[in-house]
Protein backbone atom coordinates (compact mmCIF):
# COMPACT_ATOMS: atom_id res chain seq x y z
CA MET A 1 21.95 -10.69 -9.76
CA LYS A 2 20.64 -14.20 -9.42
CA ALA A 3 18.49 -15.51 -12.28
CA VAL A 4 15.18 -17.18 -11.45
CA PRO A 5 14.47 -20.62 -12.95
CA GLU A 6 12.33 -20.60 -16.11
CA MET A 7 8.63 -20.20 -15.32
CA HIS A 8 5.54 -19.27 -17.30
CA ILE A 9 3.92 -15.84 -17.12
CA GLY A 10 1.20 -17.05 -14.75
CA LYS A 11 3.68 -18.17 -12.12
CA LYS A 12 5.56 -14.89 -12.45
CA VAL A 13 2.35 -12.91 -12.01
CA LYS A 14 1.42 -15.00 -8.96
CA ARG A 15 4.84 -14.54 -7.38
CA ILE A 16 4.98 -10.78 -7.90
CA ARG A 17 1.29 -10.30 -6.98
CA ALA A 18 1.81 -12.14 -3.69
CA PHE A 19 5.03 -10.25 -3.02
CA ARG A 20 3.16 -6.97 -3.49
CA GLY A 21 0.60 -8.15 -0.93
CA LEU A 22 -2.27 -8.41 -3.40
CA THR A 23 -4.84 -11.18 -3.50
CA GLN A 24 -6.19 -12.54 -6.77
CA GLN A 25 -9.38 -10.58 -6.04
CA ASP A 26 -7.39 -7.36 -5.47
CA LEU A 27 -5.65 -7.77 -8.82
CA ALA A 28 -8.90 -8.68 -10.58
CA ASN A 29 -10.65 -5.62 -9.14
CA ALA A 30 -7.76 -3.36 -10.15
CA ILE A 31 -8.02 -4.40 -13.80
CA GLY A 32 -11.79 -4.89 -13.95
CA LYS A 33 -11.64 -8.65 -14.46
CA THR A 34 -12.78 -11.67 -12.43
CA ARG A 35 -10.82 -13.54 -9.79
CA SER A 36 -11.32 -16.74 -11.79
CA LEU A 37 -9.55 -15.14 -14.77
CA ILE A 38 -6.55 -14.33 -12.56
CA SER A 39 -6.60 -17.86 -11.14
CA HIS A 40 -6.70 -19.33 -14.67
CA LEU A 41 -3.82 -17.08 -15.76
CA GLU A 42 -1.70 -18.08 -12.78
CA ARG A 43 -2.31 -21.79 -13.39
CA THR A 44 -1.91 -21.85 -17.17
CA GLY A 45 -0.02 -18.74 -18.18
CA GLU A 46 -2.70 -17.96 -20.79
CA VAL A 47 -3.44 -14.24 -21.06
CA SER A 48 -4.12 -11.65 -23.74
CA LYS A 49 -1.51 -8.96 -24.41
CA TYR A 50 -4.02 -6.29 -23.31
CA THR A 51 -4.74 -7.97 -19.96
CA LEU A 52 -1.04 -8.64 -19.42
CA LYS A 53 -0.34 -4.92 -19.91
CA GLU A 54 -3.04 -4.03 -17.35
CA ILE A 55 -1.60 -6.52 -14.86
CA ALA A 56 1.94 -5.25 -15.41
CA ASP A 57 0.75 -1.69 -14.74
CA VAL A 58 -0.92 -2.70 -11.46
CA LEU A 59 2.16 -4.68 -10.38
CA GLN A 60 4.37 -1.72 -11.39
CA ILE A 61 6.60 -3.79 -13.64
CA SER A 62 7.16 -3.96 -17.37
CA VAL A 63 5.43 -6.45 -19.65
CA GLU A 64 8.88 -7.48 -20.86
CA LEU A 65 9.81 -8.51 -17.33
CA LEU A 66 6.79 -10.81 -17.25
CA GLU A 67 7.31 -12.12 -20.78
CA ASP A 68 10.99 -12.75 -20.02
CA GLU A 69 12.23 -11.38 -23.32
CA PRO A 70 15.78 -12.66 -23.92
CA GLU A 71 17.28 -9.16 -23.73
CA VAL A 72 15.52 -8.40 -20.44
CA GLY A 73 15.30 -11.59 -18.38
CA LEU A 74 13.54 -11.91 -15.04
CA THR A 75 15.88 -11.27 -12.17
CA ASN A 76 15.32 -11.94 -8.52
CA VAL A 77 12.08 -10.14 -7.64
CA ASN A 78 13.90 -8.35 -4.81
CA GLU A 79 15.99 -6.66 -7.47
CA ALA A 80 13.07 -5.89 -9.81
CA PRO A 81 12.92 -2.19 -10.61
CA THR A 82 10.21 -0.06 -9.04
CA PRO A 83 9.68 3.70 -9.11
CA TYR A 84 11.73 3.86 -5.88
CA GLY A 85 14.67 1.65 -6.83
CA ASN A 86 14.66 -2.06 -6.15
CA VAL A 87 11.94 -3.78 -4.14
CA THR A 88 14.10 -4.01 -1.02
CA GLU A 89 14.63 -0.24 -1.02
CA ALA A 90 10.91 0.32 -1.63
CA GLU A 91 10.04 -1.97 1.28
CA LYS A 92 12.40 -0.08 3.57
CA MET A 93 10.79 3.18 2.50
CA ILE A 94 7.30 1.76 3.15
CA VAL A 95 8.28 0.60 6.63
CA GLN A 96 9.82 4.00 7.41
CA LEU A 97 6.72 5.82 6.15
CA GLN A 98 4.46 3.55 8.19
CA LYS A 99 6.50 4.37 11.32
CA GLU A 100 6.20 8.07 10.55
CA ILE A 101 2.43 7.73 10.11
CA ILE A 102 2.14 6.00 13.49
CA HIS A 103 4.26 8.72 15.10
CA LEU A 104 2.16 11.48 13.52
CA ARG A 105 -1.09 9.82 14.60
CA GLU A 106 0.20 9.54 18.17
CA ASN A 107 1.19 13.22 18.15
CA MET A 108 -2.19 14.17 16.74
CA ALA A 109 -3.98 12.15 19.44
CA ARG A 110 -1.93 13.90 22.15
CA GLN A 111 -2.73 17.29 20.63
CA TRP A 112 -6.46 16.53 20.47
CA GLN A 113 -6.34 15.40 24.10
CA LEU A 114 -4.63 18.67 25.05
CA ILE A 115 -7.21 20.69 23.11
CA PHE A 116 -9.99 18.81 24.87
CA GLU A 117 -8.45 19.41 28.31
CA LEU A 118 -7.85 23.11 27.63
CA SER A 119 -11.38 23.53 26.27
CA LYS A 120 -12.81 21.90 29.38
CA ARG A 121 -10.73 24.17 31.64
CA PHE A 122 -11.85 27.20 29.68
CA VAL A 123 -15.53 26.26 29.96
CA ASP A 124 -15.12 25.57 33.70
CA LYS A 125 -13.38 28.93 34.19
CA VAL A 126 -16.05 30.81 32.25
CA ASP A 127 -18.76 29.08 34.31
CA ASN A 128 -16.97 29.97 37.57
CA ASP A 129 -16.42 33.58 36.48
CA ASP A 130 -20.11 33.87 35.57
CA LYS A 131 -21.16 32.52 38.97
CA GLU A 132 -18.80 34.89 40.83
CA GLY A 133 -19.88 37.92 38.83
CA ASP A 134 -23.64 37.24 38.94
CA PRO A 135 -25.11 37.10 42.49
CA GLN A 136 -28.28 35.39 41.23
CA LYS A 137 -26.28 32.36 39.89
CA ALA A 138 -24.33 31.92 43.13
């Protein structure tokens, strides 16, 4: 594992936040704070322990990883642990799940189209049967 050069907490938060695809506003909303507070944190590294814990929870990492405790150390963010293994594995899983969602949506659209076509045929057939069976409608 490749070690990342020394950086303050704010830069680490910014890097991981961006990697997770979150904006400052997204992160602020998730923890009930303002975007300017997140901006200030990312520039200066100044943050309360409570807010840091909230941020770590949203980013799905440990506070220790952000604080860079000597026994933990910040590793390459691609190797940072997540609930699904490292980030690279999680990304692969996300891409696979997105492909499955697209496939399922396409299947669902085809099935709805088939239902629509069959319903239309049924209504047409019922109308034709009614006309053939009722001399007044013909």
